[in-house]
N, C-alpha and C. Protein backbone atom coordinates (compact mmCIF):
# COMPACT_ATOMS: atom_id res chain seq x y z
N UNK A 1 0.71 -1.22 -0.06
CA UNK A 1 -0.04 -0.06 -0.09
C UNK A 1 1.36 1.40 -0.30
N UNK A 2 0.40 2.04 -0.56
CA UNK A 2 0.98 3.52 -0.84
C UNK A 2 1.19 3.90 -0.01
N UNK A 3 2.39 5.18 0.33
CA UNK A 3 2.37 6.23 1.77
C UNK A 3 1.46 7.14 0.69
N UNK A 4 0.11 7.31 1.37
CA UNK A 4 -0.56 8.15 0.82
C UNK A 4 -2.00 8.82 1.92
N UNK A 5 -2.79 9.67 2.11
CA UNK A 5 -3.50 9.61 3.51
C UNK A 5 -4.95 9.60 2.57
N UNK A 6 -6.06 9.03 3.53
CA UNK A 6 -6.57 8.08 2.75
C UNK A 6 -7.99 9.18 2.76
N UNK A 7 -7.42 10.33 3.21
CA UNK A 7 -8.49 10.90 3.82
C UNK A 7 -7.95 12.72 2.76
N UNK A 8 -7.36 12.94 3.04
CA UNK A 8 -6.83 14.59 1.98
C UNK A 8 -5.85 14.21 1.09
N UNK A 9 -5.46 12.85 0.91
CA UNK A 9 -4.84 12.64 -0.08
C UNK A 9 -3.13 13.00 -0.23
N UNK A 10 -2.78 13.59 0.68
CA UNK A 10 -1.28 13.86 0.85
C UNK A 10 -0.24 12.34 1.17
N UNK A 11 0.50 13.28 -0.04
CA UNK A 11 1.47 11.96 -0.37
C UNK A 11 3.14 12.29 -0.20
N UNK A 12 4.41 11.77 -0.28
CA UNK A 12 5.46 12.47 -0.40
C UNK A 12 5.35 13.08 -1.69
N UNK A 13 6.32 14.32 -0.71
CA UNK A 13 7.07 15.62 -1.66
C UNK A 13 8.83 15.22 -2.22
N UNK A 14 9.00 15.61 -3.31
CA UNK A 14 10.66 15.31 -3.62
C UNK A 14 11.51 16.61 -3.45
N UNK A 15 12.67 16.66 -2.76
CA UNK A 15 13.45 17.58 -2.38
C UNK A 15 14.57 17.26 -2.61
N UNK A 16 15.77 18.03 -1.62
CA UNK A 16 17.03 17.73 -1.48
C UNK A 16 17.97 17.95 0.06
N UNK A 17 18.48 17.26 -0.09
CA UNK A 17 19.25 17.33 0.87
C UNK A 17 20.37 18.05 0.95
N UNK A 18 20.56 19.20 1.69
CA UNK A 18 21.66 20.55 1.07
C UNK A 18 22.35 19.88 2.30
N UNK A 19 23.98 19.74 2.45
CA UNK A 19 25.26 19.44 2.53
C UNK A 19 25.70 21.25 3.27
N UNK A 20 26.54 20.93 3.84
CA UNK A 20 27.76 21.97 4.23
C UNK A 20 27.81 22.90 3.35
N UNK A 21 28.14 22.46 2.36
CA UNK A 21 28.69 22.61 1.04
C UNK A 21 28.06 22.23 0.30
N UNK A 22 27.09 22.66 0.01
CA UNK A 22 25.74 23.07 -0.62
C UNK A 22 25.69 22.18 -1.68
N UNK A 23 26.51 20.82 -1.35
CA UNK A 23 25.68 19.67 -2.09
C UNK A 23 24.55 19.29 -1.82
N UNK A 24 24.08 19.05 -2.85
CA UNK A 24 22.68 18.87 -3.58
C UNK A 24 22.00 17.32 -3.69
N UNK A 25 21.36 16.22 -2.99
CA UNK A 25 21.16 14.67 -3.39
C UNK A 25 19.53 15.15 -3.00
N UNK A 26 19.05 13.95 -3.66
CA UNK A 26 17.32 13.87 -4.29
C UNK A 26 16.90 13.09 -2.30
N UNK A 27 16.27 13.55 -2.35
CA UNK A 27 15.86 12.51 -1.17
C UNK A 27 14.01 12.76 -0.79
N UNK A 28 13.05 12.44 -0.16
CA UNK A 28 11.95 12.13 -0.40
C UNK A 28 11.17 12.79 1.10
N UNK A 29 10.86 13.15 1.31
CA UNK A 29 9.45 13.80 2.40
C UNK A 29 8.01 13.32 2.64
N UNK A 30 8.29 12.59 3.17
CA UNK A 30 7.18 11.18 3.43
C UNK A 30 5.55 12.40 4.61
N UNK A 31 4.66 11.57 4.19
CA UNK A 31 3.57 12.37 4.58
C UNK A 31 3.74 11.55 6.27
N UNK A 32 3.05 12.50 7.43
CA UNK A 32 3.37 11.66 8.63
C UNK A 32 2.01 10.43 8.61
N UNK A 33 2.16 9.57 8.50
CA UNK A 33 0.73 8.68 8.09
C UNK A 33 0.80 7.54 9.63
N UNK A 34 -0.70 7.68 9.99
CA UNK A 34 -1.00 6.70 11.09
C UNK A 34 -1.90 5.68 11.06
N UNK A 35 -2.19 4.80 10.77
CA UNK A 35 -3.12 3.68 10.63
C UNK A 35 -4.26 3.91 12.14
N UNK A 36 -5.36 3.87 11.66
CA UNK A 36 -6.04 4.09 12.71
C UNK A 36 -7.01 3.62 12.50
N UNK A 37 -7.98 3.26 13.47
CA UNK A 37 -9.82 2.92 13.42
C UNK A 37 -10.86 3.84 14.09
N UNK A 38 -11.84 3.52 13.21
CA UNK A 38 -12.46 4.96 13.62
C UNK A 38 -14.14 4.02 14.03
N UNK A 39 -14.94 4.51 14.41
CA UNK A 39 -16.05 4.49 14.86
C UNK A 39 -17.13 5.10 14.12
N UNK A 40 -17.45 4.51 13.27
CA UNK A 40 -19.18 5.26 12.46
C UNK A 40 -20.62 5.17 12.55
N UNK A 41 -20.72 5.92 13.68
CA UNK A 41 -21.97 5.57 14.13
C UNK A 41 -23.43 5.32 13.16
N UNK A 42 -23.06 6.15 11.96
CA UNK A 42 -24.43 6.37 11.25
C UNK A 42 -24.20 4.33 10.02
N UNK A 43 -23.10 4.26 9.84
CA UNK A 43 -23.05 3.16 9.90
C UNK A 43 -23.41 2.02 10.71
N UNK A 44 -23.04 2.09 12.18
CA UNK A 44 -22.78 0.79 13.21
C UNK A 44 -21.67 0.01 12.44
N UNK A 45 -20.42 0.83 12.44
CA UNK A 45 -19.40 -0.03 12.01
C UNK A 45 -17.80 0.21 12.32
N UNK A 46 -16.98 -0.67 12.21
CA UNK A 46 -15.52 0.23 12.40
C UNK A 46 -15.01 0.01 11.30
N UNK A 47 -13.75 1.14 10.51
CA UNK A 47 -13.61 1.36 9.56
C UNK A 47 -11.29 1.79 10.27
N UNK A 48 -10.82 0.72 9.32
CA UNK A 48 -9.43 1.41 9.36
C UNK A 48 -8.88 2.01 8.24
N UNK A 49 -8.34 3.60 8.86
CA UNK A 49 -8.07 4.40 7.16
C UNK A 49 -6.35 4.32 7.75
N UNK A 50 -5.58 4.83 6.32
CA UNK A 50 -4.35 4.96 7.39
C UNK A 50 -4.21 6.81 6.83
N UNK A 51 -4.38 7.43 7.88
CA UNK A 51 -4.48 9.15 7.71
C UNK A 51 -3.03 9.85 8.14
N UNK A 52 -3.16 10.85 7.77
CA UNK A 52 -2.13 12.00 8.12
C UNK A 52 -2.32 12.47 9.51
N UNK A 53 -1.29 12.93 10.00
CA UNK A 53 -1.89 13.28 11.52
C UNK A 53 -2.56 14.63 11.13
N UNK A 54 -2.63 15.65 10.26
CA UNK A 54 -3.51 16.91 10.10
C UNK A 54 -5.18 15.88 10.03
N UNK A 55 -5.02 15.41 9.92
CA UNK A 55 -6.38 14.21 8.92
C UNK A 55 -6.91 14.01 10.81
N UNK A 56 -6.50 13.80 11.39
CA UNK A 56 -6.64 13.26 13.04
C UNK A 56 -7.34 14.58 13.38
N UNK A 57 -6.24 15.80 13.49
CA UNK A 57 -6.87 16.77 13.98
C UNK A 57 -7.68 17.65 13.05
N UNK A 58 -8.43 17.44 12.06
CA UNK A 58 -9.23 17.83 11.19
C UNK A 58 -11.13 16.82 11.92
N UNK A 59 -10.67 15.47 12.03
CA UNK A 59 -11.31 14.32 12.49
C UNK A 59 -11.89 14.90 14.05
N UNK A 60 -10.39 15.45 14.67
CA UNK A 60 -11.16 15.28 16.38
C UNK A 60 -12.33 17.24 15.74
N UNK A 61 -11.75 17.60 15.04
CA UNK A 61 -12.39 19.19 15.56
C UNK A 61 -13.68 18.91 14.57
N UNK A 62 -14.15 18.23 13.81
CA UNK A 62 -15.36 18.31 12.47
C UNK A 62 -16.05 16.68 12.74
N UNK A 63 -15.50 15.57 13.41
CA UNK A 63 -15.73 14.55 13.25
C UNK A 63 -16.06 13.71 12.01
N UNK A 64 -15.56 12.15 12.53
CA UNK A 64 -15.41 11.44 11.29
C UNK A 64 -16.26 11.56 10.53
N UNK A 65 -17.32 11.41 10.16
CA UNK A 65 -18.86 11.61 9.49
C UNK A 65 -18.58 12.73 8.03
N UNK A 66 -18.51 13.91 8.90
CA UNK A 66 -17.88 14.75 7.99
C UNK A 66 -16.85 14.66 7.21
N UNK A 67 -15.57 14.22 7.94
CA UNK A 67 -14.43 14.45 7.03
C UNK A 67 -14.56 13.08 6.13
N UNK A 68 -14.49 12.18 6.07
CA UNK A 68 -15.47 11.57 5.31
C UNK A 68 -16.68 12.17 4.10
N UNK A 69 -17.26 12.00 4.56
CA UNK A 69 -18.26 12.57 3.58
C UNK A 69 -17.60 14.04 2.38
N UNK A 70 -16.95 14.85 3.20
CA UNK A 70 -15.52 15.78 2.26
C UNK A 70 -14.59 14.89 1.45
N UNK A 71 -14.01 14.05 1.79
CA UNK A 71 -13.09 13.09 1.13
C UNK A 71 -13.82 12.44 -0.11
N UNK A 72 -14.91 12.03 0.32
CA UNK A 72 -16.10 11.32 -0.54
C UNK A 72 -16.17 12.40 -2.00
N UNK A 73 -16.62 13.67 -1.70
CA UNK A 73 -16.86 14.47 -2.60
C UNK A 73 -15.20 14.95 -3.39
N UNK A 74 -14.58 14.83 -2.84
CA UNK A 74 -13.24 15.39 -3.48
C UNK A 74 -12.85 14.23 -3.96
N UNK A 75 -13.05 12.98 -4.02
CA UNK A 75 -12.45 11.40 -4.67
C UNK A 75 -11.47 10.94 -4.19
N UNK A 76 -10.91 11.55 -2.85
CA UNK A 76 -9.85 10.68 -2.10
C UNK A 76 -10.42 9.25 -1.40
N UNK A 77 -11.76 8.93 -1.18
CA UNK A 77 -12.17 7.73 -0.83
C UNK A 77 -13.61 7.07 -1.42
N UNK A 78 -13.22 6.11 -2.02
CA UNK A 78 -14.22 5.40 -2.68
C UNK A 78 -15.29 4.34 -1.80
N UNK A 79 -15.35 4.27 -0.74
CA UNK A 79 -15.78 3.47 -0.26
C UNK A 79 -17.31 3.71 0.12
């Protein structure tokens, strides 16, 4: 499974490691992902999602149902 947030679509970015001598080598900045189980009361079931920590903050603020609804509208979640 790829390192992509299932709710926001965040994924790895590409950048450079820069040494003190200004030598540049390619590197990846991975998204801060966590595998987490959520209970959806409307469907009365548990779902496991791989989400970034910024999505966890959104879930705490808005609720899991609202965030899943937004993700489906944006096309990130197909379930």
